[in-house]
C-alpha atoms as a PDB file:
ATOM      1  CA  MET A   1       0.000   0.000   0.000  1.00  0.00           C
ATOM      2  CA  GLN A   2       1.490   3.290  -1.065  1.00  0.00           C
ATOM      3  CA  PHE A   3       1.317   6.514   0.919  1.00  0.00           C
ATOM      4  CA  LEU A   4       2.261  10.085   0.135  1.00  0.00           C
ATOM      5  CA  VAL A   5       3.473  11.680   3.365  1.00  0.00           C
ATOM      6  CA  ILE A   6       3.848  15.450   3.604  1.00  0.00           C
ATOM      7  CA  GLY A   7       5.401  16.675   6.830  1.00  0.00           C
ATOM      8  CA  MET A   8       5.552  20.415   7.408  1.00  0.00           C
ATOM      9  CA  ASP A   9       8.007  21.881   9.893  1.00  0.00           C
ATOM     10  CA  GLY A  10       7.085  24.362  12.558  1.00  0.00           C
ATOM     11  CA  THR A  11       7.365  28.019  11.657  1.00  0.00           C
ATOM     12  CA  ASP A  12       8.953  29.195  14.899  1.00  0.00           C
ATOM     13  CA  ASP A  13      12.491  30.587  15.083  1.00  0.00           C
ATOM     14  CA  GLU A  14      13.961  27.232  16.203  1.00  0.00           C
ATOM     15  CA  ALA A  15      12.284  25.075  13.540  1.00  0.00           C
ATOM     16  CA  LEU A  16      15.289  24.843  11.217  1.00  0.00           C
ATOM     17  CA  ASN A  17      17.641  24.138  14.119  1.00  0.00           C
ATOM     18  CA  ARG A  18      15.425  21.229  15.286  1.00  0.00           C
ATOM     19  CA  ARG A  19      15.457  19.822  11.751  1.00  0.00           C
ATOM     20  CA  LEU A  20      19.217  20.115  11.357  1.00  0.00           C
ATOM     21  CA  ALA A  21      19.840  18.566  14.795  1.00  0.00           C
ATOM     22  CA  VAL A  22      18.218  15.250  13.773  1.00  0.00           C
ATOM     23  CA  ARG A  23      18.632  15.354   9.997  1.00  0.00           C
ATOM     24  CA  ALA A  24      21.424  12.736  10.002  1.00  0.00           C
ATOM     25  CA  ASP A  25      19.172  10.355  11.976  1.00  0.00           C
ATOM     26  CA  HIS A  26      16.287  11.033   9.580  1.00  0.00           C
ATOM     27  CA  ILE A  27      18.540  10.309   6.567  1.00  0.00           C
ATOM     28  CA  ALA A  28      19.954   7.136   8.183  1.00  0.00           C
ATOM     29  CA  LEU A  29      16.446   5.802   8.798  1.00  0.00           C
ATOM     30  CA  GLY A  30      15.522   6.785   5.239  1.00  0.00           C
ATOM     31  CA  ASP A  31      18.490   4.802   3.911  1.00  0.00           C
ATOM     32  CA  ARG A  32      17.265   1.722   5.797  1.00  0.00           C
ATOM     33  CA  LEU A  33      13.742   2.259   4.473  1.00  0.00           C
ATOM     34  CA  LEU A  34      15.070   2.589   0.916  1.00  0.00           C
ATOM     35  CA  ALA A  35      16.996  -0.666   1.317  1.00  0.00           C
ATOM     36  CA  SER A  36      13.908  -2.465   2.630  1.00  0.00           C
ATOM     37  CA  GLY A  37      11.692  -1.051  -0.124  1.00  0.00           C
ATOM     38  CA  ASN A  38       9.446   0.864   2.280  1.00  0.00           C
ATOM     39  CA  MET A  39      10.564   4.266   0.987  1.00  0.00           C
ATOM     40  CA  TRP A  40      10.562   4.853  -2.742  1.00  0.00           C
ATOM     41  CA  TYR A  41      11.736   8.450  -2.735  1.00  0.00           C
ATOM     42  CA  GLY A  42      11.552  11.671  -0.825  1.00  0.00           C
ATOM     43  CA  ALA A  43      12.315  15.344  -1.116  1.00  0.00           C
ATOM     44  CA  ALA A  44      12.962  18.264   1.183  1.00  0.00           C
ATOM     45  CA  LEU A  45      10.465  21.071   0.668  1.00  0.00           C
ATOM     46  CA  TRP A  46      11.964  24.551   0.535  1.00  0.00           C
ATOM     47  CA  ASN A  47      10.584  27.973   1.260  1.00  0.00           C
ATOM     48  CA  ASP A  48      11.151  30.992  -0.986  1.00  0.00           C
ATOM     49  CA  SER A  49      14.409  31.749   0.856  1.00  0.00           C
ATOM     50  CA  GLY A  50      15.843  28.332  -0.049  1.00  0.00           C
ATOM     51  CA  LYS A  51      15.571  26.903   3.471  1.00  0.00           C
ATOM     52  CA  MET A  52      13.975  23.574   4.304  1.00  0.00           C
ATOM     53  CA  LYS A  53      10.398  23.828   5.525  1.00  0.00           C
ATOM     54  CA  GLY A  54       9.119  20.264   5.253  1.00  0.00           C
ATOM     55  CA  SER A  55       9.381  16.892   3.570  1.00  0.00           C
ATOM     56  CA  MET A  56       7.600  14.765   0.997  1.00  0.00           C
ATOM     57  CA  LEU A  57       8.005  10.994   1.025  1.00  0.00           C
ATOM     58  CA  LEU A  58       6.488   8.268  -1.081  1.00  0.00           C
ATOM     59  CA  MET A  59       6.260   5.226   1.153  1.00  0.00           C
ATOM     60  CA  ASP A  60       5.166   1.642   0.637  1.00  0.00           C
ATOM     61  CA  PHE A  61       4.005  -0.379   3.639  1.00  0.00           C
ATOM     62  CA  PRO A  62       1.805  -3.465   3.905  1.00  0.00           C
ATOM     63  CA  SER A  63      -0.704  -1.586   6.082  1.00  0.00           C
ATOM     64  CA  GLU A  64      -1.573   1.722   7.692  1.00  0.00           C
ATOM     65  CA  GLU A  65      -0.470   0.217  10.997  1.00  0.00           C
ATOM     66  CA  ALA A  66       3.024  -0.380   9.591  1.00  0.00           C
ATOM     67  CA  LEU A  67       3.104   3.215   8.352  1.00  0.00           C
ATOM     68  CA  GLN A  68       2.172   4.419  11.832  1.00  0.00           C
ATOM     69  CA  GLU A  69       4.940   2.256  13.347  1.00  0.00           C
ATOM     70  CA  TRP A  70       7.461   4.064  11.145  1.00  0.00           C
ATOM     71  CA  LEU A  71       6.035   7.477  12.029  1.00  0.00           C
ATOM     72  CA  ALA A  72       6.297   6.627  15.743  1.00  0.00           C
ATOM     73  CA  LYS A  73      10.089   6.345  15.375  1.00  0.00           C
ATOM     74  CA  GLU A  74      10.704   8.889  12.593  1.00  0.00           C
ATOM     75  CA  PRO A  75      13.177  11.468  14.015  1.00  0.00           C
ATOM     76  CA  TYR A  76      11.296  14.402  12.510  1.00  0.00           C
ATOM     77  CA  MET A  77       8.207  13.250  14.423  1.00  0.00           C
ATOM     78  CA  THR A  78       9.879  12.362  17.708  1.00  0.00           C
ATOM     79  CA  SER A  79      11.940  15.577  17.762  1.00  0.00           C
ATOM     80  CA  ASP A  80       9.049  17.948  17.047  1.00  0.00           C
ATOM     81  CA  VAL A  81      10.323  18.945  13.603  1.00  0.00           C
ATOM     82  CA  TRP A  82       7.150  18.141  11.699  1.00  0.00           C
ATOM     83  CA  ARG A  83       4.304  20.104  13.220  1.00  0.00           C
ATOM     84  CA  SER A  84       1.710  18.879  10.728  1.00  0.00           C
ATOM     85  CA  VAL A  85       1.603  15.685   8.712  1.00  0.00           C
ATOM     86  CA  GLN A  86      -0.720  14.815   5.866  1.00  0.00           C
ATOM     87  CA  ILE A  87      -0.997  11.219   4.742  1.00  0.00           C
ATOM     88  CA  HIS A  88      -2.649  10.280   1.478  1.00  0.00           C
ATOM     89  CA  LYS A  89      -3.097   6.751   0.204  1.00  0.00           C
ATOM     90  CA  CYS A  90      -1.924   6.723  -3.379  1.00  0.00           C
ATOM     91  CA  ASN A  91      -1.107   4.494  -6.292  1.00  0.00           C
ATOM     92  CA  VAL A  92       1.931   5.313  -8.419  1.00  0.00           C
ATOM     93  CA  ARG A  93       1.335   4.080 -11.934  1.00  0.00           C
ATOM     94  CA  ASP A  94       4.316   2.151 -13.298  1.00  0.00           C
ATOM     95  CA  PRO A  95       6.745   3.020 -10.488  1.00  0.00           C
ATOM     96  CA  TRP A  96       9.599   1.406 -12.423  1.00  0.00           C
ATOM     97  CA  GLN A  97       9.496   4.393 -14.782  1.00  0.00           C
ATOM     98  CA  PHE A  98      11.549   6.259 -12.174  1.00  0.00           C
ATOM     99  CA  ASN A  99      14.439   3.799 -12.478  1.00  0.00           C
ATOM    100  CA  ARG A 100      16.571   5.941 -14.733  1.00  0.00           C
ATOM    101  CA  PRO A 101      20.336   6.284 -14.818  1.00  0.00           C
ATOM    102  CA  LYS A 102      21.916   8.924 -12.601  1.00  0.00           C
ATOM    103  CA  GLU A 103      22.893  10.925 -15.701  1.00  0.00           C
ATOM    104  CA  PHE A 104      19.226  11.503 -16.507  1.00  0.00           C
ATOM    105  CA  PHE A 105      18.723  13.353 -13.228  1.00  0.00           C
ATOM    106  CA  GLU A 106      21.939  15.320 -13.616  1.00  0.00           C
ATOM    107  CA  ASN A 107      20.743  16.663 -16.969  1.00  0.00           C
ATOM    108  CA  THR A 108      18.865  19.869 -16.193  1.00  0.00           C
ATOM    109  CA  ASN A 109      17.528  20.250 -19.753  1.00  0.00           C
ATOM    110  CA  HIS A 110      14.304  18.295 -19.194  1.00  0.00           C
END
């Protein structure tokens, strides 16, 4: 079951510092989730000033309960980085279409 997760950071003065303090833990967990197939891809969301303000992740779990188990240990959740989280069940058509060589993504002409 696929889920689009959008986590938005707080807007207080310490929001970016909270994110940066646990970002390495968030990335390490993301690497494990990529290896297990539970995370397909993600992106940092940026504000107009070019600073991170949230995250988007496309996740694949066998159930909503499994998704909630991940969220319960996600560093951005446990460290009060994400202040709001939207979860949408989704269905990516032909997800293998995103398996392109690294050079494709380095080409900025598309």
